[in-house]
């Protein structure tokens, strides 16, 4: 009967016969619990970063789509060439596409076009690549 009881408590916790083993096992369990907590915290932080990235993507999507719409309407373009025009300016100026789109839209709103709509929109878009800094003027 003693061997069955000993087998049930083989993990050593509460085993008065070997207090060092009891301490060792308790310490190992504490360490494993800490490691699991750290991994859970890392996963939570990664999820928070992912959410922030997705929120930024959603927020920056609207100005990009609006800027594409302006280019599509003025130049009678399909969506992809309009996007490529914005992306080209962004890449050559080394400025985020969303920033280019926001600046472009702000400048288009404040531009007097007269009768030369295409020329003025071209000028406004090209000017975005010459501006520096992440924010509007």
Protein backbone atom coordinates (compact mmCIF):
# COMPACT_ATOMS: atom_id res chain seq x y z
CA UNK A 1 0.00 0.00 0.00
CA UNK A 2 2.86 2.37 0.73
CA UNK A 3 4.18 1.96 -2.83
CA UNK A 4 0.80 2.96 -4.33
CA UNK A 5 0.73 6.12 -2.23
CA UNK A 6 4.33 6.89 -3.15
CA UNK A 7 3.54 6.36 -6.83
CA UNK A 8 0.60 8.76 -6.65
CA UNK A 9 2.85 11.46 -5.18
CA UNK A 10 5.80 10.80 -7.44
CA UNK A 11 6.11 14.50 -8.31
CA UNK A 12 7.64 14.99 -4.86
CA UNK A 13 5.48 17.96 -3.89
CA UNK A 14 4.56 17.57 -0.27
CA UNK A 15 7.00 14.69 0.13
CA UNK A 16 8.48 15.22 3.56
CA UNK A 17 11.13 12.58 2.90
CA UNK A 18 13.00 14.80 0.38
CA UNK A 19 12.42 18.51 1.01
CA UNK A 20 15.11 19.45 -1.57
CA UNK A 21 13.20 17.65 -4.30
CA UNK A 22 10.01 19.36 -3.19
CA UNK A 23 11.72 22.76 -3.37
CA UNK A 24 13.30 21.93 -6.75
CA UNK A 25 9.98 20.85 -8.29
CA UNK A 26 8.16 23.87 -6.91
CA UNK A 27 10.87 26.15 -8.34
CA UNK A 28 10.65 24.43 -11.74
CA UNK A 29 6.89 24.90 -11.77
CA UNK A 30 7.32 28.58 -10.89
CA UNK A 31 9.87 29.03 -13.68
CA UNK A 32 7.61 27.32 -16.23
CA UNK A 33 4.66 29.46 -15.13
CA UNK A 34 6.78 32.62 -15.56
CA UNK A 35 7.88 31.48 -19.01
CA UNK A 36 4.27 30.82 -20.03
CA UNK A 37 3.29 34.27 -18.74
CA UNK A 38 6.12 35.92 -20.70
CA UNK A 39 5.11 34.10 -23.89
CA UNK A 40 1.48 35.14 -23.37
CA UNK A 41 2.58 38.74 -22.83
CA UNK A 42 4.70 38.62 -26.01
CA UNK A 43 1.73 37.27 -27.98
CA UNK A 44 -0.52 39.99 -26.55
CA UNK A 45 2.01 42.71 -27.50
CA UNK A 46 2.34 41.25 -31.00
CA UNK A 47 -1.46 41.24 -31.35
CA UNK A 48 -1.63 44.87 -30.20
CA UNK A 49 1.01 45.85 -32.77
CA UNK A 50 -0.91 43.99 -35.48
CA UNK A 51 -4.14 45.76 -34.52
CA UNK A 52 -2.39 49.13 -34.62
CA UNK A 53 -0.94 48.30 -38.05
CA UNK A 54 -4.36 47.28 -39.36
CA UNK A 55 -5.99 50.41 -37.95
CA UNK A 56 -3.32 52.54 -39.63
CA UNK A 57 -3.89 50.69 -42.90
CA UNK A 58 -7.64 51.31 -42.70
CA UNK A 59 -7.14 54.98 -41.81
CA UNK A 60 -4.69 55.55 -44.66
CA UNK A 61 -6.83 53.68 -47.17
CA UNK A 62 -9.48 56.40 -47.53
CA UNK A 63 -7.11 59.21 -48.64
CA UNK A 64 -5.38 56.87 -51.08
CA UNK A 65 -8.70 55.83 -52.60
CA UNK A 66 -9.84 59.46 -52.77
CA UNK A 67 -6.61 60.55 -54.47
CA UNK A 68 -6.97 57.68 -56.93
CA UNK A 69 -10.51 58.85 -57.60
CA UNK A 70 -9.30 62.35 -58.45
CA UNK A 71 -6.72 60.98 -60.87
CA UNK A 72 -9.23 58.56 -62.38
CA UNK A 73 -11.77 61.35 -62.91
CA UNK A 74 -9.38 63.94 -64.29
CA UNK A 75 -7.34 61.64 -66.53
CA UNK A 76 -10.00 59.01 -67.30
CA UNK A 77 -7.82 56.26 -65.78
CA UNK A 78 -8.58 52.83 -64.42
CA UNK A 79 -7.86 52.27 -60.69
CA UNK A 80 -4.51 50.53 -61.18
CA UNK A 81 -2.79 53.21 -63.29
CA UNK A 82 -4.07 55.88 -60.89
CA UNK A 83 -2.60 53.93 -57.97
CA UNK A 84 0.66 53.44 -59.86
CA UNK A 85 0.97 57.19 -60.41
CA UNK A 86 0.62 57.83 -56.67
CA UNK A 87 2.97 54.97 -55.83
CA UNK A 88 5.60 56.27 -58.27
CA UNK A 89 5.64 59.69 -56.60
CA UNK A 90 5.74 58.03 -53.17
CA UNK A 91 8.66 55.77 -54.06
CA UNK A 92 10.72 58.43 -55.79
CA UNK A 93 10.19 60.95 -53.00
CA UNK A 94 10.67 58.30 -50.30
CA UNK A 95 7.46 59.46 -48.62
CA UNK A 96 4.68 57.16 -47.49
CA UNK A 97 1.90 56.71 -50.00
CA UNK A 98 -0.76 57.80 -47.50
CA UNK A 99 1.15 61.03 -46.87
CA UNK A 100 1.42 61.72 -50.61
CA UNK A 101 -2.32 61.09 -50.98
CA UNK A 102 -3.21 63.35 -48.03
CA UNK A 103 -1.01 66.18 -49.29
CA UNK A 104 -2.28 65.79 -52.84
CA UNK A 105 -5.90 65.99 -51.68
CA UNK A 106 -5.22 69.02 -49.49
CA UNK A 107 -3.49 70.82 -52.35
CA UNK A 108 -6.21 69.90 -54.85
CA UNK A 109 -8.83 71.34 -52.47
CA UNK A 110 -6.95 74.65 -52.34
CA UNK A 111 -6.02 74.97 -56.01
CA UNK A 112 -7.73 77.32 -58.46
CA UNK A 113 -7.87 75.26 -61.63
CA UNK A 114 -9.25 77.63 -64.21
CA UNK A 115 -9.50 75.88 -67.57
CA UNK A 116 -6.36 73.75 -67.38
CA UNK A 117 -7.53 70.97 -65.06
CA UNK A 118 -5.19 68.23 -66.26
CA UNK A 119 -2.12 70.45 -66.23
CA UNK A 120 -2.87 71.76 -62.74
CA UNK A 121 -3.56 68.28 -61.29
CA UNK A 122 -0.32 67.05 -62.88
CA UNK A 123 1.55 69.97 -61.32
CA UNK A 124 -0.03 69.36 -57.90
CA UNK A 125 0.83 65.64 -58.00
CA UNK A 126 4.41 66.28 -59.15
CA UNK A 127 4.86 68.85 -56.39
CA UNK A 128 4.19 66.19 -53.77
CA UNK A 129 7.47 64.51 -54.62
CA UNK A 130 9.43 67.71 -54.01
CA UNK A 131 7.98 68.37 -50.56
CA UNK A 132 9.80 67.00 -47.54
CA UNK A 133 8.69 65.98 -44.09
CA UNK A 134 5.96 63.61 -42.93
CA UNK A 135 3.27 66.24 -42.29
CA UNK A 136 1.27 68.71 -44.27
CA UNK A 137 2.88 72.14 -44.71
